[in-house]
Amino acid sequence: MKQQSKLTPKQEHVAERQTPAKAAQEFSGSDELLRHDAAQTTVPPEVAERLKKSAAKIPPPKVSWFKRLFN
């Protein structure tokens, strides 16, 4: 059975204009998907500032005694 729309022809035309047609995008892996999502998402300034402060508190990784010996 075919599903019929209860919209009038004018309403259907308006509904078609309001829904933008987005092309489906296929990603080769999860890394590519995450990079694409990160490029599309803006970080609020408050969150960016808190992240900078938190990252500044993280101590740098300690250099092993073996590397210090030969540097």
PDB file of N, CA and C in Angstrom:
ATOM      1  N   MET A   1       0.843  -1.173   0.000  1.00  0.00           N
ATOM      2  CA  MET A   1       0.000   0.000   0.000  1.00  0.00           C
ATOM      3  C   MET A   1       0.894   1.244   0.000  1.00  0.00           C
ATOM      4  N   LYS A   2       0.563   2.189  -0.845  1.00  0.00           N
ATOM      5  CA  LYS A   2       1.358   3.408  -0.967  1.00  0.00           C
ATOM      6  C   LYS A   2       0.934   4.415   0.100  1.00  0.00           C
ATOM      7  N   GLN A   3       1.938   4.978   0.781  1.00  0.00           N
ATOM      8  CA  GLN A   3       1.652   5.968   1.822  1.00  0.00           C
ATOM      9  C   GLN A   3       1.430   7.322   1.163  1.00  0.00           C
ATOM     10  N   GLN A   4       0.342   7.965   1.519  1.00  0.00           N
ATOM     11  CA  GLN A   4       0.023   9.249   0.922  1.00  0.00           C
ATOM     12  C   GLN A   4       0.243  10.361   1.933  1.00  0.00           C
ATOM     13  N   SER A   5       0.691  11.503   1.431  1.00  0.00           N
ATOM     14  CA  SER A   5       0.936  12.664   2.265  1.00  0.00           C
ATOM     15  C   SER A   5      -0.377  13.403   2.494  1.00  0.00           C
ATOM     16  N   LYS A   6      -0.539  13.944   3.684  1.00  0.00           N
ATOM     17  CA  LYS A   6      -1.747  14.712   3.991  1.00  0.00           C
ATOM     18  C   LYS A   6      -1.532  16.208   3.774  1.00  0.00           C
ATOM     19  N   LEU A   7      -0.405  16.562   3.170  1.00  0.00           N
ATOM     20  CA  LEU A   7      -0.112  17.965   2.897  1.00  0.00           C
ATOM     21  C   LEU A   7      -0.745  18.372   1.570  1.00  0.00           C
ATOM     22  N   THR A   8      -1.118  19.620   1.485  1.00  0.00           N
ATOM     23  CA  THR A   8      -1.621  20.148   0.221  1.00  0.00           C
ATOM     24  C   THR A   8      -0.426  20.331  -0.714  1.00  0.00           C
ATOM     25  N   PRO A   9      -0.665  20.429  -2.011  1.00  0.00           N
ATOM     26  CA  PRO A   9       0.461  20.624  -2.935  1.00  0.00           C
ATOM     27  C   PRO A   9       1.314  21.846  -2.583  1.00  0.00           C
ATOM     28  N   LYS A  10       0.709  22.912  -2.112  1.00  0.00           N
ATOM     29  CA  LYS A  10       1.469  24.108  -1.745  1.00  0.00           C
ATOM     30  C   LYS A  10       2.349  23.829  -0.530  1.00  0.00           C
ATOM     31  N   GLN A  11       1.820  23.115   0.473  1.00  0.00           N
ATOM     32  CA  GLN A  11       2.594  22.778   1.661  1.00  0.00           C
ATOM     33  C   GLN A  11       3.746  21.839   1.315  1.00  0.00           C
ATOM     34  N   GLU A  12       3.512  20.914   0.390  1.00  0.00           N
ATOM     35  CA  GLU A  12       4.580  20.004  -0.027  1.00  0.00           C
ATOM     36  C   GLU A  12       5.715  20.781  -0.682  1.00  0.00           C
ATOM     37  N   HIS A  13       5.362  21.771  -1.501  1.00  0.00           N
ATOM     38  CA  HIS A  13       6.376  22.575  -2.175  1.00  0.00           C
ATOM     39  C   HIS A  13       7.217  23.351  -1.151  1.00  0.00           C
ATOM     40  N   VAL A  14       6.552  23.916  -0.151  1.00  0.00           N
ATOM     41  CA  VAL A  14       7.264  24.659   0.898  1.00  0.00           C
ATOM     42  C   VAL A  14       8.144  23.710   1.698  1.00  0.00           C
ATOM     43  N   ALA A  15       7.649  22.535   2.027  1.00  0.00           N
ATOM     44  CA  ALA A  15       8.417  21.559   2.798  1.00  0.00           C
ATOM     45  C   ALA A  15       9.648  21.111   2.017  1.00  0.00           C
ATOM     46  N   GLU A  16       9.537  20.955   0.714  1.00  0.00           N
ATOM     47  CA  GLU A  16      10.680  20.557  -0.107  1.00  0.00           C
ATOM     48  C   GLU A  16      11.756  21.629  -0.116  1.00  0.00           C
ATOM     49  N   ARG A  17      11.357  22.889  -0.117  1.00  0.00           N
ATOM     50  CA  ARG A  17      12.341  23.974  -0.114  1.00  0.00           C
ATOM     51  C   ARG A  17      13.036  24.099   1.228  1.00  0.00           C
ATOM     52  N   GLN A  18      12.342  23.787   2.307  1.00  0.00           N
ATOM     53  CA  GLN A  18      12.913  23.978   3.638  1.00  0.00           C
ATOM     54  C   GLN A  18      13.892  22.892   4.032  1.00  0.00           C
ATOM     55  N   THR A  19      13.782  21.711   3.485  1.00  0.00           N
ATOM     56  CA  THR A  19      14.701  20.638   3.838  1.00  0.00           C
ATOM     57  C   THR A  19      15.823  20.597   2.810  1.00  0.00           C
ATOM     58  N   PRO A  20      17.005  21.043   3.189  1.00  0.00           N
ATOM     59  CA  PRO A  20      18.115  21.040   2.240  1.00  0.00           C
ATOM     60  C   PRO A  20      18.555  19.610   1.938  1.00  0.00           C
ATOM     61  N   ALA A  21      18.873  19.378   0.713  1.00  0.00           N
ATOM     62  CA  ALA A  21      19.325  18.051   0.302  1.00  0.00           C
ATOM     63  C   ALA A  21      20.825  17.961   0.553  1.00  0.00           C
ATOM     64  N   LYS A  22      21.211  17.098   1.477  1.00  0.00           N
ATOM     65  CA  LYS A  22      22.627  16.898   1.770  1.00  0.00           C
ATOM     66  C   LYS A  22      23.065  15.578   1.156  1.00  0.00           C
ATOM     67  N   ALA A  23      24.184  15.618   0.512  1.00  0.00           N
ATOM     68  CA  ALA A  23      24.709  14.402  -0.091  1.00  0.00           C
ATOM     69  C   ALA A  23      25.313  13.525   1.009  1.00  0.00           C
ATOM     70  N   ALA A  24      25.056  12.257   0.917  1.00  0.00           N
ATOM     71  CA  ALA A  24      25.626  11.326   1.887  1.00  0.00           C
ATOM     72  C   ALA A  24      27.121  11.227   1.646  1.00  0.00           C
ATOM     73  N   GLN A  25      27.876  11.200   2.726  1.00  0.00           N
ATOM     74  CA  GLN A  25      29.321  11.123   2.608  1.00  0.00           C
ATOM     75  C   GLN A  25      29.790   9.840   3.256  1.00  0.00           C
ATOM     76  N   GLU A  26      30.665   9.147   2.571  1.00  0.00           N
ATOM     77  CA  GLU A  26      31.169   7.879   3.073  1.00  0.00           C
ATOM     78  C   GLU A  26      32.615   8.067   3.512  1.00  0.00           C
ATOM     79  N   PHE A  27      32.961   7.510   4.673  1.00  0.00           N
ATOM     80  CA  PHE A  27      34.299   7.637   5.221  1.00  0.00           C
ATOM     81  C   PHE A  27      34.993   6.281   5.197  1.00  0.00           C
ATOM     82  N   SER A  28      36.292   6.313   4.957  1.00  0.00           N
ATOM     83  CA  SER A  28      37.034   5.053   4.880  1.00  0.00           C
ATOM     84  C   SER A  28      37.326   4.477   6.258  1.00  0.00           C
ATOM     85  N   GLY A  29      37.310   5.320   7.278  1.00  0.00           N
ATOM     86  CA  GLY A  29      37.581   4.825   8.624  1.00  0.00           C
ATOM     87  C   GLY A  29      37.072   5.793   9.669  1.00  0.00           C
ATOM     88  N   SER A  30      37.161   5.353  10.906  1.00  0.00           N
ATOM     89  CA  SER A  30      36.666   6.186  11.999  1.00  0.00           C
ATOM     90  C   SER A  30      37.516   7.445  12.189  1.00  0.00           C
ATOM     91  N   ASP A  31      38.819   7.341  11.927  1.00  0.00           N
ATOM     92  CA  ASP A  31      39.687   8.514  12.061  1.00  0.00           C
ATOM     93  C   ASP A  31      39.274   9.622  11.109  1.00  0.00           C
ATOM     94  N   GLU A  32      38.973   9.234   9.884  1.00  0.00           N
ATOM     95  CA  GLU A  32      38.549  10.224   8.889  1.00  0.00           C
ATOM     96  C   GLU A  32      37.217  10.864   9.287  1.00  0.00           C
ATOM     97  N   LEU A  33      36.316  10.061   9.826  1.00  0.00           N
ATOM     98  CA  LEU A  33      35.031  10.576  10.293  1.00  0.00           C
ATOM     99  C   LEU A  33      35.236  11.584  11.423  1.00  0.00           C
ATOM    100  N   LEU A  34      36.104  11.255  12.374  1.00  0.00           N
ATOM    101  CA  LEU A  34      36.356  12.166  13.500  1.00  0.00           C
ATOM    102  C   LEU A  34      37.011  13.461  13.042  1.00  0.00           C
ATOM    103  N   ARG A  35      37.946  13.385  12.086  1.00  0.00           N
ATOM    104  CA  ARG A  35      38.568  14.602  11.563  1.00  0.00           C
ATOM    105  C   ARG A  35      37.537  15.489  10.877  1.00  0.00           C
ATOM    106  N   HIS A  36      36.669  14.881  10.100  1.00  0.00           N
ATOM    107  CA  HIS A  36      35.618  15.653   9.413  1.00  0.00           C
ATOM    108  C   HIS A  36      34.693  16.310  10.431  1.00  0.00           C
ATOM    109  N   ASP A  37      34.300  15.564  11.445  1.00  0.00           N
ATOM    110  CA  ASP A  37      33.403  16.103  12.466  1.00  0.00           C
ATOM    111  C   ASP A  37      34.073  17.241  13.231  1.00  0.00           C
ATOM    112  N   ALA A  38      35.346  17.090  13.556  1.00  0.00           N
ATOM    113  CA  ALA A  38      36.066  18.142  14.275  1.00  0.00           C
ATOM    114  C   ALA A  38      36.177  19.410  13.435  1.00  0.00           C
ATOM    115  N   ALA A  39      36.318  19.262  12.133  1.00  0.00           N
ATOM    116  CA  ALA A  39      36.409  20.432  11.257  1.00  0.00           C
ATOM    117  C   ALA A  39      35.063  21.157  11.164  1.00  0.00           C
ATOM    118  N   GLN A  40      33.965  20.434  11.345  1.00  0.00           N
ATOM    119  CA  GLN A  40      32.636  21.029  11.230  1.00  0.00           C
ATOM    120  C   GLN A  40      32.120  21.612  12.545  1.00  0.00           C
ATOM    121  N   THR A  41      32.716  21.220  13.657  1.00  0.00           N
ATOM    122  CA  THR A  41      32.211  21.605  14.977  1.00  0.00           C
ATOM    123  C   THR A  41      33.029  22.760  15.533  1.00  0.00           C
ATOM    124  N   THR A  42      32.349  23.805  15.987  1.00  0.00           N
ATOM    125  CA  THR A  42      33.049  24.920  16.623  1.00  0.00           C
ATOM    126  C   THR A  42      32.999  24.735  18.136  1.00  0.00           C
ATOM    127  N   VAL A  43      34.113  25.011  18.782  1.00  0.00           N
ATOM    128  CA  VAL A  43      34.211  24.871  20.230  1.00  0.00           C
ATOM    129  C   VAL A  43      33.863  26.218  20.861  1.00  0.00           C
ATOM    130  N   PRO A  44      32.958  26.238  21.832  1.00  0.00           N
ATOM    131  CA  PRO A  44      32.636  27.495  22.502  1.00  0.00           C
ATOM    132  C   PRO A  44      33.874  28.067  23.195  1.00  0.00           C
ATOM    133  N   PRO A  45      34.022  29.385  23.218  1.00  0.00           N
ATOM    134  CA  PRO A  45      35.214  30.004  23.808  1.00  0.00           C
ATOM    135  C   PRO A  45      35.443  29.608  25.272  1.00  0.00           C
ATOM    136  N   GLU A  46      34.365  29.440  26.049  1.00  0.00           N
ATOM    137  CA  GLU A  46      34.526  29.074  27.462  1.00  0.00           C
ATOM    138  C   GLU A  46      35.158  27.693  27.587  1.00  0.00           C
ATOM    139  N   VAL A  47      34.726  26.777  26.742  1.00  0.00           N
ATOM    140  CA  VAL A  47      35.264  25.416  26.787  1.00  0.00           C
ATOM    141  C   VAL A  47      36.715  25.410  26.329  1.00  0.00           C
ATOM    142  N   ALA A  48      37.030  26.165  25.299  1.00  0.00           N
ATOM    143  CA  ALA A  48      38.406  26.234  24.804  1.00  0.00           C
ATOM    144  C   ALA A  48      39.338  26.787  25.886  1.00  0.00           C
ATOM    145  N   GLU A  49      38.889  27.801  26.609  1.00  0.00           N
ATOM    146  CA  GLU A  49      39.711  28.379  27.678  1.00  0.00           C
ATOM    147  C   GLU A  49      39.947  27.372  28.797  1.00  0.00           C
ATOM    148  N   ARG A  50      38.898  26.633  29.181  1.00  0.00           N
ATOM    149  CA  ARG A  50      39.051  25.627  30.238  1.00  0.00           C
ATOM    150  C   ARG A  50      39.995  24.513  29.803  1.00  0.00           C
ATOM    151  N   LEU A  51      39.936  24.128  28.532  1.00  0.00           N
ATOM    152  CA  LEU A  51      40.837  23.093  28.038  1.00  0.00           C
ATOM    153  C   LEU A  51      42.288  23.558  28.056  1.00  0.00           C
ATOM    154  N   LYS A  52      42.513  24.816  27.690  1.00  0.00           N
ATOM    155  CA  LYS A  52      43.874  25.359  27.721  1.00  0.00           C
ATOM    156  C   LYS A  52      44.431  25.360  29.145  1.00  0.00           C
ATOM    157  N   LYS A  53      43.600  25.762  30.115  1.00  0.00           N
ATOM    158  CA  LYS A  53      44.036  25.778  31.506  1.00  0.00           C
ATOM    159  C   LYS A  53      44.331  24.367  32.006  1.00  0.00           C
ATOM    160  N   SER A  54      43.480  23.430  31.666  1.00  0.00           N
ATOM    161  CA  SER A  54      43.680  22.040  32.095  1.00  0.00           C
ATOM    162  C   SER A  54      44.938  21.451  31.464  1.00  0.00           C
ATOM    163  N   ALA A  55      45.166  21.732  30.196  1.00  0.00           N
ATOM    164  CA  ALA A  55      46.341  21.197  29.510  1.00  0.00           C
ATOM    165  C   ALA A  55      47.622  21.786  30.083  1.00  0.00           C
ATOM    166  N   ALA A  56      47.573  23.020  30.555  1.00  0.00           N
ATOM    167  CA  ALA A  56      48.763  23.647  31.135  1.00  0.00           C
ATOM    168  C   ALA A  56      49.150  23.001  32.461  1.00  0.00           C
ATOM    169  N   LYS A  57      48.187  22.398  33.151  1.00  0.00           N
ATOM    170  CA  LYS A  57      48.453  21.759  34.440  1.00  0.00           C
ATOM    171  C   LYS A  57      49.078  20.372  34.304  1.00  0.00           C
ATOM    172  N   ILE A  58      48.986  19.772  33.132  1.00  0.00           N
ATOM    173  CA  ILE A  58      49.523  18.429  32.935  1.00  0.00           C
ATOM    174  C   ILE A  58      51.042  18.511  32.858  1.00  0.00           C
ATOM    175  N   PRO A  59      51.751  17.765  33.700  1.00  0.00           N
ATOM    176  CA  PRO A  59      53.218  17.828  33.662  1.00  0.00           C
ATOM    177  C   PRO A  59      53.751  17.155  32.395  1.00  0.00           C
ATOM    178  N   PRO A  60      54.896  17.643  31.908  1.00  0.00           N
ATOM    179  CA  PRO A  60      55.470  17.018  30.711  1.00  0.00           C
ATOM    180  C   PRO A  60      55.941  15.598  31.042  1.00  0.00           C
ATOM    181  N   PRO A  61      55.988  14.730  30.059  1.00  0.00           N
ATOM    182  CA  PRO A  61      56.433  13.360  30.332  1.00  0.00           C
ATOM    183  C   PRO A  61      57.897  13.359  30.757  1.00  0.00           C
ATOM    184  N   LYS A  62      58.214  12.494  31.708  1.00  0.00           N
ATOM    185  CA  LYS A  62      59.593  12.418  32.193  1.00  0.00           C
ATOM    186  C   LYS A  62      60.462  11.673  31.187  1.00  0.00           C
ATOM    187  N   VAL A  63      61.663  12.177  31.014  1.00  0.00           N
ATOM    188  CA  VAL A  63      62.617  11.546  30.114  1.00  0.00           C
ATOM    189  C   VAL A  63      63.292  10.418  30.889  1.00  0.00           C
ATOM    190  N   SER A  64      63.381   9.263  30.262  1.00  0.00           N
ATOM    191  CA  SER A  64      63.967   8.117  30.943  1.00  0.00           C
ATOM    192  C   SER A  64      65.464   8.338  31.188  1.00  0.00           C
ATOM    193  N   TRP A  65      66.003   7.649  32.156  1.00  0.00           N
ATOM    194  CA  TRP A  65      67.424   7.810  32.499  1.00  0.00           C
ATOM    195  C   TRP A  65      68.299   7.383  31.332  1.00  0.00           C
ATOM    196  N   PHE A  66      67.818   6.450  30.533  1.00  0.00           N
ATOM    197  CA  PHE A  66      68.581   5.971  29.399  1.00  0.00           C
ATOM    198  C   PHE A  66      68.759   7.076  28.355  1.00  0.00           C
ATOM    199  N   LYS A  67      67.699   7.834  28.084  1.00  0.00           N
ATOM    200  CA  LYS A  67      67.799   8.913  27.122  1.00  0.00           C
ATOM    201  C   LYS A  67      68.620  10.069  27.650  1.00  0.00           C
ATOM    202  N   ARG A  68      68.503  10.339  28.953  1.00  0.00           N
ATOM    203  CA  ARG A  68      69.302  11.422  29.554  1.00  0.00           C
ATOM    204  C   ARG A  68      70.784  11.093  29.499  1.00  0.00           C
ATOM    205  N   LEU A  69      71.121   9.824  29.620  1.00  0.00           N
ATOM    206  CA  LEU A  69      72.502   9.389  29.619  1.00  0.00           C
ATOM    207  C   LEU A  69      73.171   9.662  28.264  1.00  0.00           C
ATOM    208  N   PHE A  70      72.438   9.445  27.178  1.00  0.00           N
ATOM    209  CA  PHE A  70      73.005   9.587  25.853  1.00  0.00           C
ATOM    210  C   PHE A  70      72.706  10.922  25.189  1.00  0.00           C
ATOM    211  N   ASN A  71      72.074  11.856  25.866  1.00  0.00           N
ATOM    212  CA  ASN A  71      71.816  13.174  25.277  1.00  0.00           C
ATOM    213  C   ASN A  71      72.754  14.203  25.787  1.00  0.00           C
TER     214      ASN A  71
END
